[in-house]
Amino acid sequence: MNIREVLEKVKKELAELTPLKLNTVIGASKDEESGGWKVMVELLEKVSIPDSMDLLGIYGVLLSEEGEIMRFERKGIRKRGDVEQGEGY
C-alpha cells in the first residue's frame, strides 16, 4: 500500500469504528518494526461555541502491512485553539 491508500483506508475505517468526525491527518509513516503504517489523526470529540473551544482528540492508528487497523488509541486531547507539542507516534 502507498501512503495515499493508507490515508484513505484510515479515513474509511475510522468512520465505521467511531462516531467522531475526522478533523485532520497529522502525520503518517511506515512502521519499520511491523512493516505496517503509523498514522496520527485528530478527531472532533466535542463541538463548542466558539469553535476555537472544540475538543480534538489526538489518536494513533497502527495498520498492518495489509492495511488492517491493529491498534487505535487516544494519545491526547486539546482545544482547537491551543497549540500542542505532541509526543509523536
N, C-alpha and C. Protein backbone atom coordinates (compact mmCIF):
# COMPACT_ATOMS: atom_id res chain seq x y z
N MET A 1 0.84 -1.18 0.00
CA MET A 1 0.00 0.00 0.00
C MET A 1 0.89 1.24 0.00
N ASN A 2 0.46 2.26 -0.75
CA ASN A 2 1.18 3.52 -0.69
C ASN A 2 0.49 4.44 0.32
N ILE A 3 1.11 5.57 0.60
CA ILE A 3 0.60 6.44 1.67
C ILE A 3 -0.80 6.97 1.36
N ARG A 4 -1.08 7.25 0.12
CA ARG A 4 -2.42 7.73 -0.26
C ARG A 4 -3.48 6.67 0.05
N GLU A 5 -3.19 5.43 -0.28
CA GLU A 5 -4.12 4.34 0.01
C GLU A 5 -4.30 4.14 1.52
N VAL A 6 -3.20 4.28 2.26
CA VAL A 6 -3.25 4.13 3.71
C VAL A 6 -4.16 5.19 4.32
N LEU A 7 -4.00 6.44 3.90
CA LEU A 7 -4.81 7.52 4.46
C LEU A 7 -6.29 7.36 4.12
N GLU A 8 -6.59 6.93 2.91
CA GLU A 8 -7.99 6.68 2.53
C GLU A 8 -8.58 5.55 3.36
N LYS A 9 -7.79 4.51 3.58
CA LYS A 9 -8.23 3.38 4.39
C LYS A 9 -8.52 3.82 5.83
N VAL A 10 -7.63 4.62 6.41
CA VAL A 10 -7.83 5.10 7.78
C VAL A 10 -9.10 5.94 7.87
N LYS A 11 -9.30 6.85 6.94
CA LYS A 11 -10.50 7.69 6.95
C LYS A 11 -11.76 6.84 6.89
N LYS A 12 -11.78 5.86 6.01
CA LYS A 12 -12.95 5.00 5.85
C LYS A 12 -13.19 4.15 7.10
N GLU A 13 -12.14 3.53 7.61
CA GLU A 13 -12.26 2.64 8.76
C GLU A 13 -12.67 3.39 10.03
N LEU A 14 -12.09 4.58 10.25
CA LEU A 14 -12.44 5.35 11.44
C LEU A 14 -13.90 5.79 11.41
N ALA A 15 -14.42 6.10 10.23
CA ALA A 15 -15.83 6.47 10.10
C ALA A 15 -16.73 5.31 10.51
N GLU A 16 -16.27 4.08 10.30
CA GLU A 16 -17.05 2.90 10.69
C GLU A 16 -16.85 2.52 12.16
N LEU A 17 -15.67 2.82 12.71
CA LEU A 17 -15.33 2.43 14.08
C LEU A 17 -15.88 3.38 15.14
N THR A 18 -15.96 4.65 14.81
CA THR A 18 -16.31 5.65 15.81
C THR A 18 -17.23 6.70 15.21
N PRO A 19 -18.11 7.26 16.02
CA PRO A 19 -18.98 8.34 15.52
C PRO A 19 -18.27 9.68 15.44
N LEU A 20 -17.03 9.75 15.92
CA LEU A 20 -16.29 11.01 15.91
C LEU A 20 -15.88 11.40 14.49
N LYS A 21 -15.98 12.68 14.20
CA LYS A 21 -15.66 13.20 12.87
C LYS A 21 -14.16 13.46 12.76
N LEU A 22 -13.56 13.01 11.65
CA LEU A 22 -12.14 13.25 11.40
C LEU A 22 -11.93 14.74 11.15
N ASN A 23 -11.03 15.34 11.91
CA ASN A 23 -10.69 16.74 11.70
C ASN A 23 -9.53 16.85 10.71
N THR A 24 -8.45 16.14 10.98
CA THR A 24 -7.30 16.19 10.09
C THR A 24 -6.36 15.01 10.34
N VAL A 25 -5.57 14.70 9.33
CA VAL A 25 -4.48 13.73 9.48
C VAL A 25 -3.25 14.53 9.85
N ILE A 26 -2.64 14.19 10.97
CA ILE A 26 -1.47 14.92 11.45
C ILE A 26 -0.20 14.39 10.80
N GLY A 27 -0.12 13.08 10.64
CA GLY A 27 1.09 12.50 10.06
C GLY A 27 0.92 11.02 9.80
N ALA A 28 1.81 10.50 8.98
CA ALA A 28 1.80 9.07 8.66
C ALA A 28 3.22 8.64 8.31
N SER A 29 3.57 7.43 8.73
CA SER A 29 4.88 6.90 8.38
C SER A 29 4.84 5.38 8.38
N LYS A 30 5.76 4.81 7.64
CA LYS A 30 5.92 3.36 7.60
C LYS A 30 6.51 2.93 8.94
N ASP A 31 5.96 1.88 9.53
CA ASP A 31 6.46 1.35 10.80
C ASP A 31 7.51 0.29 10.50
N GLU A 32 8.75 0.61 10.79
CA GLU A 32 9.86 -0.29 10.49
C GLU A 32 9.75 -1.62 11.24
N GLU A 33 9.23 -1.55 12.46
CA GLU A 33 9.16 -2.75 13.30
C GLU A 33 8.16 -3.78 12.76
N SER A 34 6.96 -3.32 12.42
CA SER A 34 5.90 -4.25 12.00
C SER A 34 5.75 -4.35 10.48
N GLY A 35 6.31 -3.38 9.76
CA GLY A 35 6.12 -3.36 8.31
C GLY A 35 4.83 -2.69 7.89
N GLY A 36 4.02 -2.31 8.88
CA GLY A 36 2.75 -1.64 8.61
C GLY A 36 2.91 -0.13 8.57
N TRP A 37 1.87 0.57 8.99
CA TRP A 37 1.86 2.04 8.96
C TRP A 37 1.41 2.60 10.30
N LYS A 38 1.99 3.74 10.68
CA LYS A 38 1.55 4.52 11.83
C LYS A 38 0.93 5.80 11.31
N VAL A 39 -0.27 6.11 11.79
CA VAL A 39 -0.96 7.32 11.36
C VAL A 39 -1.47 8.05 12.60
N MET A 40 -1.29 9.37 12.63
CA MET A 40 -1.82 10.21 13.71
C MET A 40 -2.92 11.08 13.12
N VAL A 41 -4.06 11.12 13.81
CA VAL A 41 -5.20 11.90 13.35
C VAL A 41 -5.78 12.70 14.51
N GLU A 42 -6.54 13.73 14.16
CA GLU A 42 -7.32 14.45 15.14
C GLU A 42 -8.79 14.19 14.85
N LEU A 43 -9.53 13.80 15.89
CA LEU A 43 -10.96 13.57 15.77
C LEU A 43 -11.69 14.59 16.65
N LEU A 44 -12.79 15.11 16.13
CA LEU A 44 -13.59 16.09 16.86
C LEU A 44 -14.39 15.37 17.94
N GLU A 45 -14.06 15.64 19.20
CA GLU A 45 -14.72 14.96 20.31
C GLU A 45 -15.87 15.75 20.91
N LYS A 46 -15.76 17.08 20.88
CA LYS A 46 -16.83 17.91 21.45
C LYS A 46 -16.90 19.23 20.70
N VAL A 47 -18.08 19.54 20.19
CA VAL A 47 -18.31 20.79 19.49
C VAL A 47 -18.66 21.86 20.51
N SER A 48 -18.04 23.03 20.39
CA SER A 48 -18.29 24.12 21.32
C SER A 48 -18.51 25.42 20.55
N ILE A 49 -19.05 26.40 21.27
CA ILE A 49 -19.19 27.74 20.70
C ILE A 49 -18.41 28.66 21.62
N PRO A 50 -17.41 29.38 21.12
CA PRO A 50 -16.94 29.41 19.73
C PRO A 50 -16.18 28.14 19.37
N ASP A 51 -16.01 27.90 18.08
CA ASP A 51 -15.38 26.65 17.65
C ASP A 51 -13.92 26.53 18.08
N SER A 52 -13.30 27.63 18.46
CA SER A 52 -11.92 27.55 18.96
C SER A 52 -11.85 26.78 20.29
N MET A 53 -13.01 26.54 20.89
CA MET A 53 -13.06 25.77 22.15
C MET A 53 -13.45 24.30 21.91
N ASP A 54 -13.63 23.89 20.63
CA ASP A 54 -13.88 22.48 20.32
C ASP A 54 -12.78 21.62 20.94
N LEU A 55 -13.14 20.41 21.35
CA LEU A 55 -12.14 19.47 21.85
C LEU A 55 -11.77 18.48 20.76
N LEU A 56 -10.48 18.38 20.50
CA LEU A 56 -9.95 17.48 19.48
C LEU A 56 -9.13 16.39 20.15
N GLY A 57 -9.47 15.14 19.88
CA GLY A 57 -8.70 14.02 20.38
C GLY A 57 -7.60 13.69 19.38
N ILE A 58 -6.41 13.45 19.89
CA ILE A 58 -5.28 13.08 19.04
C ILE A 58 -5.11 11.56 19.17
N TYR A 59 -5.25 10.88 18.06
CA TYR A 59 -5.26 9.41 18.06
C TYR A 59 -4.12 8.85 17.22
N GLY A 60 -3.54 7.77 17.72
CA GLY A 60 -2.56 7.00 16.97
C GLY A 60 -3.24 5.75 16.43
N VAL A 61 -3.00 5.49 15.15
CA VAL A 61 -3.57 4.32 14.50
C VAL A 61 -2.42 3.50 13.92
N LEU A 62 -2.39 2.21 14.23
CA LEU A 62 -1.38 1.32 13.68
C LEU A 62 -2.06 0.35 12.74
N LEU A 63 -1.57 0.30 11.50
CA LEU A 63 -2.13 -0.60 10.50
C LEU A 63 -1.13 -1.69 10.15
N SER A 64 -1.65 -2.86 9.83
CA SER A 64 -0.80 -3.96 9.38
C SER A 64 -0.31 -3.67 7.96
N GLU A 65 0.56 -4.52 7.46
CA GLU A 65 1.04 -4.39 6.08
C GLU A 65 -0.12 -4.45 5.08
N GLU A 66 -1.16 -5.19 5.43
CA GLU A 66 -2.32 -5.35 4.55
C GLU A 66 -3.31 -4.19 4.69
N GLY A 67 -3.06 -3.28 5.64
CA GLY A 67 -3.94 -2.13 5.81
C GLY A 67 -5.05 -2.31 6.82
N GLU A 68 -4.99 -3.37 7.62
CA GLU A 68 -5.99 -3.58 8.66
C GLU A 68 -5.59 -2.83 9.92
N ILE A 69 -6.55 -2.19 10.58
CA ILE A 69 -6.25 -1.48 11.82
C ILE A 69 -5.95 -2.49 12.92
N MET A 70 -4.77 -2.38 13.49
CA MET A 70 -4.32 -3.28 14.54
C MET A 70 -4.45 -2.63 15.92
N ARG A 71 -4.29 -1.30 15.96
CA ARG A 71 -4.39 -0.57 17.22
C ARG A 71 -4.92 0.82 16.94
N PHE A 72 -5.74 1.31 17.86
CA PHE A 72 -6.35 2.63 17.75
C PHE A 72 -6.46 3.16 19.17
N GLU A 73 -5.71 4.24 19.49
CA GLU A 73 -5.75 4.73 20.86
C GLU A 73 -5.56 6.24 20.91
N ARG A 74 -6.24 6.84 21.90
CA ARG A 74 -6.12 8.29 22.07
C ARG A 74 -4.80 8.58 22.77
N LYS A 75 -4.05 9.51 22.19
CA LYS A 75 -2.75 9.91 22.72
C LYS A 75 -2.85 11.21 23.51
N GLY A 76 -3.90 11.98 23.26
CA GLY A 76 -4.04 13.25 23.94
C GLY A 76 -5.31 13.94 23.51
N ILE A 77 -5.55 15.10 24.10
CA ILE A 77 -6.72 15.89 23.76
C ILE A 77 -6.32 17.36 23.88
N ARG A 78 -6.91 18.20 23.03
CA ARG A 78 -6.60 19.62 23.09
C ARG A 78 -7.79 20.44 22.62
N LYS A 79 -7.79 21.71 22.99
CA LYS A 79 -8.78 22.63 22.44
C LYS A 79 -8.29 23.05 21.06
N ARG A 80 -9.23 23.25 20.14
CA ARG A 80 -8.87 23.61 18.77
C ARG A 80 -7.93 24.82 18.74
N GLY A 81 -8.15 25.78 19.62
CA GLY A 81 -7.35 27.00 19.62
C GLY A 81 -5.97 26.85 20.24
N ASP A 82 -5.70 25.74 20.91
CA ASP A 82 -4.41 25.54 21.57
C ASP A 82 -3.39 24.94 20.61
N VAL A 83 -2.15 25.29 20.84
CA VAL A 83 -1.06 24.68 20.10
C VAL A 83 -0.42 23.67 21.03
N GLU A 84 -0.32 22.43 20.56
CA GLU A 84 0.23 21.37 21.41
C GLU A 84 1.45 20.76 20.76
N GLN A 85 2.43 20.47 21.56
CA GLN A 85 3.58 19.74 21.07
C GLN A 85 3.37 18.29 21.47
N GLY A 86 3.11 17.45 20.46
CA GLY A 86 2.78 16.06 20.71
C GLY A 86 3.96 15.19 21.04
N GLU A 87 3.64 14.00 21.47
CA GLU A 87 4.67 13.03 21.84
C GLU A 87 5.16 12.22 20.65
N GLY A 88 4.50 12.39 19.50
CA GLY A 88 4.87 11.60 18.34
C GLY A 88 4.06 10.34 18.25
N TYR A 89 4.37 9.58 17.24
CA TYR A 89 3.62 8.33 17.03
C TYR A 89 4.59 7.26 16.69
